[in-house]
C-alpha atoms as a PDB file:
ATOM      1  CA  MET A   1     -29.140   9.202  -1.303  1.00  0.00           C
ATOM      2  CA  THR A   2     -32.514   9.011  -3.048  1.00  0.00           C
ATOM      3  CA  ASP A   3     -33.528   6.343  -5.541  1.00  0.00           C
ATOM      4  CA  GLU A   4     -33.260   8.983  -8.281  1.00  0.00           C
ATOM      5  CA  ASP A   5     -29.570   9.431  -7.417  1.00  0.00           C
ATOM      6  CA  ARG A   6     -28.853   5.728  -7.320  1.00  0.00           C
ATOM      7  CA  ILE A   7     -26.019   4.509  -9.504  1.00  0.00           C
ATOM      8  CA  ARG A   8     -26.324   1.159 -11.277  1.00  0.00           C
ATOM      9  CA  PRO A   9     -23.700  -1.167  -9.800  1.00  0.00           C
ATOM     10  CA  ARG A  10     -21.353  -2.863 -12.243  1.00  0.00           C
ATOM     11  CA  LEU A  11     -19.703  -6.249 -12.063  1.00  0.00           C
ATOM     12  CA  VAL A  12     -16.075  -6.872 -11.209  1.00  0.00           C
ATOM     13  CA  LEU A  13     -14.836 -10.395 -11.890  1.00  0.00           C
ATOM     14  CA  ALA A  14     -12.006 -11.990  -9.932  1.00  0.00           C
ATOM     15  CA  THR A  15      -9.898 -14.657 -11.644  1.00  0.00           C
ATOM     16  CA  THR A  16      -9.231 -16.649  -8.462  1.00  0.00           C
ATOM     17  CA  LEU A  17     -10.757 -19.894  -9.749  1.00  0.00           C
ATOM     18  CA  LEU A  18      -9.529 -19.670 -13.335  1.00  0.00           C
ATOM     19  CA  PRO A  19      -6.994 -22.302 -14.396  1.00  0.00           C
ATOM     20  CA  ASP A  20      -3.795 -21.490 -16.256  1.00  0.00           C
ATOM     21  CA  GLY A  21      -3.485 -21.710 -20.009  1.00  0.00           C
ATOM     22  CA  GLU A  22      -6.056 -21.826 -22.759  1.00  0.00           C
ATOM     23  CA  LEU A  23      -8.801 -23.158 -20.515  1.00  0.00           C
ATOM     24  CA  GLY A  24      -8.631 -20.120 -18.258  1.00  0.00           C
ATOM     25  CA  GLU A  25      -8.543 -17.813 -21.270  1.00  0.00           C
ATOM     26  CA  ALA A  26     -11.635 -19.443 -22.775  1.00  0.00           C
ATOM     27  CA  ARG A  27     -13.616 -19.159 -19.546  1.00  0.00           C
ATOM     28  CA  LEU A  28     -12.722 -15.508 -19.152  1.00  0.00           C
ATOM     29  CA  ARG A  29     -13.641 -14.749 -22.757  1.00  0.00           C
ATOM     30  CA  GLU A  30     -17.011 -16.405 -22.234  1.00  0.00           C
ATOM     31  CA  ALA A  31     -17.680 -14.303 -19.148  1.00  0.00           C
ATOM     32  CA  LEU A  32     -16.630 -11.031 -20.738  1.00  0.00           C
ATOM     33  CA  SER A  33     -18.664 -11.602 -23.890  1.00  0.00           C
ATOM     34  CA  ALA A  34     -21.879 -12.242 -21.966  1.00  0.00           C
ATOM     35  CA  GLY A  35     -22.634  -8.825 -20.497  1.00  0.00           C
ATOM     36  CA  ASP A  36     -21.427  -5.706 -18.758  1.00  0.00           C
ATOM     37  CA  VAL A  37     -18.218  -6.154 -16.754  1.00  0.00           C
ATOM     38  CA  ALA A  38     -16.391  -3.070 -15.489  1.00  0.00           C
ATOM     39  CA  SER A  39     -13.111  -4.675 -14.539  1.00  0.00           C
ATOM     40  CA  VAL A  40     -11.281  -7.899 -13.770  1.00  0.00           C
ATOM     41  CA  LEU A  41      -9.115  -8.450 -10.714  1.00  0.00           C
ATOM     42  CA  VAL A  42      -6.253 -10.708 -11.782  1.00  0.00           C
ATOM     43  CA  ASP A  43      -5.502 -12.720  -8.650  1.00  0.00           C
ATOM     44  CA  PRO A  44      -2.191 -14.560  -8.066  1.00  0.00           C
ATOM     45  CA  ALA A  45      -4.153 -17.198  -6.148  1.00  0.00           C
ATOM     46  CA  GLY A  46      -0.974 -18.761  -4.780  1.00  0.00           C
ATOM     47  CA  ARG A  47       1.056 -18.728  -8.002  1.00  0.00           C
ATOM     48  CA  GLN A  48       4.761 -18.055  -7.881  1.00  0.00           C
ATOM     49  CA  GLU A  49       5.996 -14.857  -9.535  1.00  0.00           C
ATOM     50  CA  ALA A  50       6.884 -16.326 -12.938  1.00  0.00           C
ATOM     51  CA  ALA A  51       3.699 -18.361 -13.187  1.00  0.00           C
ATOM     52  CA  PHE A  52       1.600 -15.368 -12.206  1.00  0.00           C
ATOM     53  CA  GLN A  53       3.239 -13.170 -14.800  1.00  0.00           C
ATOM     54  CA  ASP A  54       2.496 -15.749 -17.494  1.00  0.00           C
ATOM     55  CA  PHE A  55      -1.096 -15.981 -16.246  1.00  0.00           C
ATOM     56  CA  ALA A  56      -1.489 -12.191 -16.275  1.00  0.00           C
ATOM     57  CA  GLU A  57       0.158 -11.816 -19.693  1.00  0.00           C
ATOM     58  CA  ARG A  58      -2.475 -14.120 -21.127  1.00  0.00           C
ATOM     59  CA  LEU A  59      -5.483 -12.551 -19.438  1.00  0.00           C
ATOM     60  CA  VAL A  60      -4.805  -8.804 -19.409  1.00  0.00           C
ATOM     61  CA  PRO A  61      -5.139  -8.348 -23.214  1.00  0.00           C
ATOM     62  CA  ILE A  62      -8.388 -10.347 -23.192  1.00  0.00           C
ATOM     63  CA  VAL A  63      -9.813  -8.068 -20.517  1.00  0.00           C
ATOM     64  CA  GLN A  64      -8.729  -4.911 -22.297  1.00  0.00           C
ATOM     65  CA  GLU A  65     -10.021  -6.069 -25.675  1.00  0.00           C
ATOM     66  CA  ALA A  66     -13.413  -6.545 -24.055  1.00  0.00           C
ATOM     67  CA  GLY A  67     -13.399  -2.933 -22.873  1.00  0.00           C
ATOM     68  CA  ALA A  68     -12.908  -3.721 -19.183  1.00  0.00           C
ATOM     69  CA  ALA A  69     -10.093  -2.622 -16.890  1.00  0.00           C
ATOM     70  CA  ALA A  70      -7.460  -5.220 -16.019  1.00  0.00           C
ATOM     71  CA  ILE A  71      -6.312  -4.797 -12.414  1.00  0.00           C
ATOM     72  CA  VAL A  72      -3.399  -6.933 -11.244  1.00  0.00           C
ATOM     73  CA  ALA A  73      -3.359  -7.814  -7.555  1.00  0.00           C
ATOM     74  CA  GLU A  74      -0.349  -7.887  -5.211  1.00  0.00           C
ATOM     75  CA  ASP A  75       2.539  -7.620  -7.702  1.00  0.00           C
ATOM     76  CA  THR A  76       3.374  -4.092  -8.887  1.00  0.00           C
ATOM     77  CA  ARG A  77       6.168  -5.276 -11.171  1.00  0.00           C
ATOM     78  CA  CYS A  78       3.832  -7.696 -12.884  1.00  0.00           C
ATOM     79  CA  ALA A  79       1.224  -4.967 -13.274  1.00  0.00           C
ATOM     80  CA  GLY A  80       3.780  -2.823 -15.063  1.00  0.00           C
ATOM     81  CA  ARG A  81       5.218  -5.590 -17.228  1.00  0.00           C
ATOM     82  CA  VAL A  82       1.846  -6.735 -18.544  1.00  0.00           C
ATOM     83  CA  ARG A  83       0.619  -3.158 -19.009  1.00  0.00           C
ATOM     84  CA  ALA A  84      -2.348  -3.616 -16.734  1.00  0.00           C
ATOM     85  CA  ASP A  85      -4.786  -0.777 -16.175  1.00  0.00           C
ATOM     86  CA  GLY A  86      -4.494  -0.962 -12.421  1.00  0.00           C
ATOM     87  CA  PHE A  87      -2.978  -2.429  -9.291  1.00  0.00           C
ATOM     88  CA  HIS A  88      -4.770  -3.889  -6.278  1.00  0.00           C
ATOM     89  CA  GLU A  89      -3.092  -3.792  -2.853  1.00  0.00           C
ATOM     90  CA  SER A  90      -4.558  -6.587  -0.741  1.00  0.00           C
ATOM     91  CA  LYS A  91      -2.454  -6.467   2.429  1.00  0.00           C
ATOM     92  CA  GLY A  92      -4.867  -4.305   4.414  1.00  0.00           C
ATOM     93  CA  SER A  93      -2.009  -1.911   5.108  1.00  0.00           C
ATOM     94  CA  VAL A  94      -2.720   1.807   4.916  1.00  0.00           C
ATOM     95  CA  GLY A  95       1.000   2.470   4.465  1.00  0.00           C
ATOM     96  CA  ALA A  96       1.284   0.038   1.553  1.00  0.00           C
ATOM     97  CA  LEU A  97      -1.817   1.494  -0.074  1.00  0.00           C
ATOM     98  CA  ARG A  98      -0.518   5.036   0.365  1.00  0.00           C
ATOM     99  CA  GLU A  99       2.805   4.040  -1.196  1.00  0.00           C
ATOM    100  CA  ALA A 100       1.070   2.376  -4.143  1.00  0.00           C
ATOM    101  CA  VAL A 101      -1.065   5.457  -4.780  1.00  0.00           C
ATOM    102  CA  ALA A 102       2.002   7.715  -4.614  1.00  0.00           C
ATOM    103  CA  ARG A 103       3.996   5.516  -7.018  1.00  0.00           C
ATOM    104  CA  LEU A 104       1.371   4.448  -9.509  1.00  0.00           C
ATOM    105  CA  SER A 105      -1.492   6.944  -9.573  1.00  0.00           C
ATOM    106  CA  PRO A 106      -2.770   8.461 -11.811  1.00  0.00           C
ATOM    107  CA  LYS A 107      -1.061   6.301 -14.450  1.00  0.00           C
ATOM    108  CA  LEU A 108      -2.749   3.224 -13.009  1.00  0.00           C
ATOM    109  CA  ILE A 109      -6.014   2.644 -11.178  1.00  0.00           C
ATOM    110  CA  VAL A 110      -5.056   1.871  -7.577  1.00  0.00           C
ATOM    111  CA  GLY A 111      -7.297   0.253  -5.000  1.00  0.00           C
ATOM    112  CA  GLY A 112      -7.020  -1.863  -1.906  1.00  0.00           C
ATOM    113  CA  SER A 113      -8.684  -4.380   0.361  1.00  0.00           C
ATOM    114  CA  GLY A 114      -8.199  -5.898   3.781  1.00  0.00           C
ATOM    115  CA  PHE A 115      -9.709  -3.018   5.756  1.00  0.00           C
ATOM    116  CA  THR A 116     -12.213  -4.618   8.087  1.00  0.00           C
ATOM    117  CA  THR A 117     -13.293  -1.777  10.379  1.00  0.00           C
ATOM    118  CA  ARG A 118     -14.766   1.644   9.702  1.00  0.00           C
ATOM    119  CA  HIS A 119     -11.748   3.296  11.257  1.00  0.00           C
ATOM    120  CA  ASP A 120      -9.286   1.397   9.059  1.00  0.00           C
ATOM    121  CA  ALA A 121     -11.401   2.036   5.963  1.00  0.00           C
ATOM    122  CA  LEU A 122     -11.479   5.776   6.607  1.00  0.00           C
ATOM    123  CA  GLU A 123      -7.715   5.808   7.131  1.00  0.00           C
ATOM    124  CA  ALA A 124      -7.308   3.941   3.842  1.00  0.00           C
ATOM    125  CA  GLY A 125      -9.605   6.450   2.170  1.00  0.00           C
ATOM    126  CA  GLU A 126      -7.288   9.263   3.255  1.00  0.00           C
ATOM    127  CA  ALA A 127      -4.676   7.746   0.913  1.00  0.00           C
ATOM    128  CA  MET A 128      -7.084   8.667  -1.922  1.00  0.00           C
ATOM    129  CA  PRO A 129      -7.202   5.338  -3.766  1.00  0.00           C
ATOM    130  CA  ASP A 130      -9.507   4.969  -6.739  1.00  0.00           C
ATOM    131  CA  TYR A 131     -11.612   2.444  -4.832  1.00  0.00           C
ATOM    132  CA  LEU A 132     -11.769   0.246  -1.746  1.00  0.00           C
ATOM    133  CA  PHE A 133     -12.763  -3.402  -1.895  1.00  0.00           C
ATOM    134  CA  PHE A 134     -14.730  -4.820   1.006  1.00  0.00           C
ATOM    135  CA  GLY A 135     -13.927  -8.499   0.867  1.00  0.00           C
ATOM    136  CA  LYS A 136     -10.925 -10.737   0.279  1.00  0.00           C
ATOM    137  CA  LEU A 137      -9.910 -12.413  -2.946  1.00  0.00           C
ATOM    138  CA  GLY A 138     -10.757 -16.086  -2.692  1.00  0.00           C
ATOM    139  CA  ALA A 139     -12.965 -15.660   0.386  1.00  0.00           C
ATOM    140  CA  ASP A 140     -16.303 -15.898  -1.427  1.00  0.00           C
ATOM    141  CA  THR A 141     -16.818 -19.525  -0.401  1.00  0.00           C
ATOM    142  CA  GLY A 142     -20.174 -19.087   1.339  1.00  0.00           C
ATOM    143  CA  ALA A 143     -23.458 -18.856  -0.521  1.00  0.00           C
ATOM    144  CA  GLU A 144     -24.080 -15.374   0.888  1.00  0.00           C
ATOM    145  CA  PRO A 145     -21.683 -12.432   1.109  1.00  0.00           C
ATOM    146  CA  LEU A 146     -20.103 -11.906   4.509  1.00  0.00           C
ATOM    147  CA  ARG A 147     -22.313  -9.679   6.653  1.00  0.00           C
ATOM    148  CA  ARG A 148     -19.334  -7.527   7.691  1.00  0.00           C
ATOM    149  CA  ASN A 149     -18.522  -6.743   4.068  1.00  0.00           C
ATOM    150  CA  LEU A 150     -22.126  -5.847   3.313  1.00  0.00           C
ATOM    151  CA  GLU A 151     -22.350  -3.543   6.322  1.00  0.00           C
ATOM    152  CA  LEU A 152     -19.084  -1.797   5.535  1.00  0.00           C
ATOM    153  CA  ALA A 153     -20.001  -1.318   1.874  1.00  0.00           C
ATOM    154  CA  GLU A 154     -23.442   0.078   2.713  1.00  0.00           C
ATOM    155  CA  TRP A 155     -21.969   2.502   5.246  1.00  0.00           C
ATOM    156  CA  TRP A 156     -19.157   3.542   2.893  1.00  0.00           C
ATOM    157  CA  ALA A 157     -21.380   4.036  -0.154  1.00  0.00           C
ATOM    158  CA  ALA A 158     -23.690   6.313   1.841  1.00  0.00           C
ATOM    159  CA  ILE A 159     -21.035   8.728   3.110  1.00  0.00           C
ATOM    160  CA  VAL A 160     -17.828   8.522   1.025  1.00  0.00           C
ATOM    161  CA  GLU A 161     -17.326   9.651  -2.572  1.00  0.00           C
ATOM    162  CA  ILE A 162     -14.533   7.168  -3.298  1.00  0.00           C
ATOM    163  CA  PRO A 163     -16.196   4.175  -5.004  1.00  0.00           C
ATOM    164  CA  CYS A 164     -16.260   0.780  -3.347  1.00  0.00           C
ATOM    165  CA  ILE A 165     -16.486  -2.825  -4.452  1.00  0.00           C
ATOM    166  CA  VAL A 166     -18.419  -5.272  -2.304  1.00  0.00           C
ATOM    167  CA  GLN A 167     -17.707  -8.979  -2.575  1.00  0.00           C
ATOM    168  CA  GLY A 168     -20.687 -11.085  -3.541  1.00  0.00           C
ATOM    169  CA  GLY A 169     -21.371 -14.616  -2.387  1.00  0.00           C
ATOM    170  CA  ALA A 170     -20.838 -17.918  -4.162  1.00  0.00           C
ATOM    171  CA  ASP A 171     -24.536 -18.331  -4.959  1.00  0.00           C
ATOM    172  CA  LEU A 172     -25.879 -15.909  -7.555  1.00  0.00           C
ATOM    173  CA  ALA A 173     -29.288 -16.114  -5.879  1.00  0.00           C
ATOM    174  CA  THR A 174     -27.867 -13.969  -3.056  1.00  0.00           C
ATOM    175  CA  LEU A 175     -26.717 -11.167  -5.370  1.00  0.00           C
ATOM    176  CA  GLY A 176     -29.544  -8.965  -4.144  1.00  0.00           C
ATOM    177  CA  LEU A 177     -27.809  -8.605  -0.781  1.00  0.00           C
ATOM    178  CA  ALA A 178     -24.814  -6.991  -2.484  1.00  0.00           C
ATOM    179  CA  ILE A 179     -26.989  -4.856  -4.740  1.00  0.00           C
ATOM    180  CA  ASP A 180     -28.858  -3.487  -1.725  1.00  0.00           C
ATOM    181  CA  THR A 181     -25.654  -2.000  -0.267  1.00  0.00           C
ATOM    182  CA  ARG A 182     -25.616   0.508  -3.142  1.00  0.00           C
ATOM    183  CA  ALA A 183     -21.924  -0.136  -3.668  1.00  0.00           C
ATOM    184  CA  GLU A 184     -20.775   1.044  -7.082  1.00  0.00           C
ATOM    185  CA  PHE A 185     -19.272  -2.341  -7.940  1.00  0.00           C
ATOM    186  CA  ILE A 186     -19.941  -5.975  -7.013  1.00  0.00           C
ATOM    187  CA  ALA A 187     -17.121  -8.516  -7.194  1.00  0.00           C
ATOM    188  CA  LEU A 188     -17.962 -12.050  -8.234  1.00  0.00           C
ATOM    189  CA  SER A 189     -15.702 -15.060  -8.643  1.00  0.00           C
ATOM    190  CA  ALA A 190     -17.166 -18.328  -7.375  1.00  0.00           C
ATOM    191  CA  ALA A 191     -20.668 -17.245  -8.439  1.00  0.00           C
ATOM    192  CA  VAL A 192     -19.446 -16.993 -12.047  1.00  0.00           C
ATOM    193  CA  PHE A 193     -16.442 -19.330 -12.340  1.00  0.00           C
ATOM    194  CA  GLY A 194     -17.363 -21.923  -9.722  1.00  0.00           C
ATOM    195  CA  ASP A 195     -18.790 -24.232 -12.376  1.00  0.00           C
ATOM    196  CA  GLU A 196     -17.160 -24.573 -15.794  1.00  0.00           C
ATOM    197  CA  ALA A 197     -20.560 -24.857 -17.486  1.00  0.00           C
ATOM    198  CA  GLY A 198     -22.802 -21.828 -17.864  1.00  0.00           C
ATOM    199  CA  ILE A 199     -20.269 -19.081 -17.148  1.00  0.00           C
ATOM    200  CA  GLY A 200     -21.735 -16.705 -19.719  1.00  0.00           C
ATOM    201  CA  ALA A 201     -25.257 -17.434 -18.596  1.00  0.00           C
ATOM    202  CA  ARG A 202     -24.374 -16.474 -15.040  1.00  0.00           C
ATOM    203  CA  VAL A 203     -22.887 -13.136 -16.132  1.00  0.00           C
ATOM    204  CA  LYS A 204     -26.075 -12.445 -18.089  1.00  0.00           C
ATOM    205  CA  ALA A 205     -28.190 -13.420 -15.089  1.00  0.00           C
ATOM    206  CA  ALA A 206     -26.201 -11.173 -12.759  1.00  0.00           C
ATOM    207  CA  ASN A 207     -26.662  -8.167 -15.030  1.00  0.00           C
ATOM    208  CA  ARG A 208     -30.343  -8.956 -15.378  1.00  0.00           C
ATOM    209  CA  MET A 209     -30.721  -9.081 -11.599  1.00  0.00           C
ATOM    210  CA  ILE A 210     -29.006  -5.704 -11.301  1.00  0.00           C
ATOM    211  CA  ASP A 211     -31.249  -4.177 -13.962  1.00  0.00           C
ATOM    212  CA  GLU A 212     -34.378  -5.566 -12.311  1.00  0.00           C
ATOM    213  CA  ALA A 213     -33.301  -4.170  -8.944  1.00  0.00           C
ATOM    214  CA  MET A 214     -32.765  -0.759 -10.496  1.00  0.00           C
ATOM    215  CA  GLU A 215     -36.179  -0.877 -12.158  1.00  0.00           C
ATOM    216  CA  ARG A 216     -37.848  -1.762  -8.860  1.00  0.00           C
ATOM    217  CA  GLY A 217     -36.072   1.128  -7.181  1.00  0.00           C
ATOM    218  CA  ALA A 218     -37.248   3.555  -9.845  1.00  0.00           C
ATOM    219  CA  ALA A 219     -40.842   2.345  -9.754  1.00  0.00           C
END
């Protein structure tokens, strides 16, 4: 792929660190109003079924009103009840991903994560999901993205047409490592929601860093 063919990566936000209730809603609204966000992964993050449905019911309309896609992780029934735009299968099971695609696509966006080798990723790709996510919800605890995720995303983006999401690190200063993979999407959670102050500013900064990287590549 040449620099002329390069696609600008877009942000995907994961709700892992958002609290329940109005506080979580306010933080998500701030993030979504601050710049380009393609989609939001609504993460159960240990909630029981009823609590997660309440959490998703609150957040999905906010995401959709902002023009982003709301993708509910792990619970297909919840995804249907809250009228989400998509479902994320996080088990790392090719069979589960294939079943989700067969049941839900094309009505819903369907993607998956948990595939940690090239072989497993290619097998998952044969299920024809809408995307693969290289990372794990809630695992962005280090300042930098995990090297394995970066390597898989770079390899995948170079040879496979199915889009991928690469998980960024907890420190926005390391975003360039994710950008350099040329993945179509970059997932951020701790880097945006890790501190309750400055959420919008960090979304703006992330988009600015992406734009600057694209400008350097075109120069």
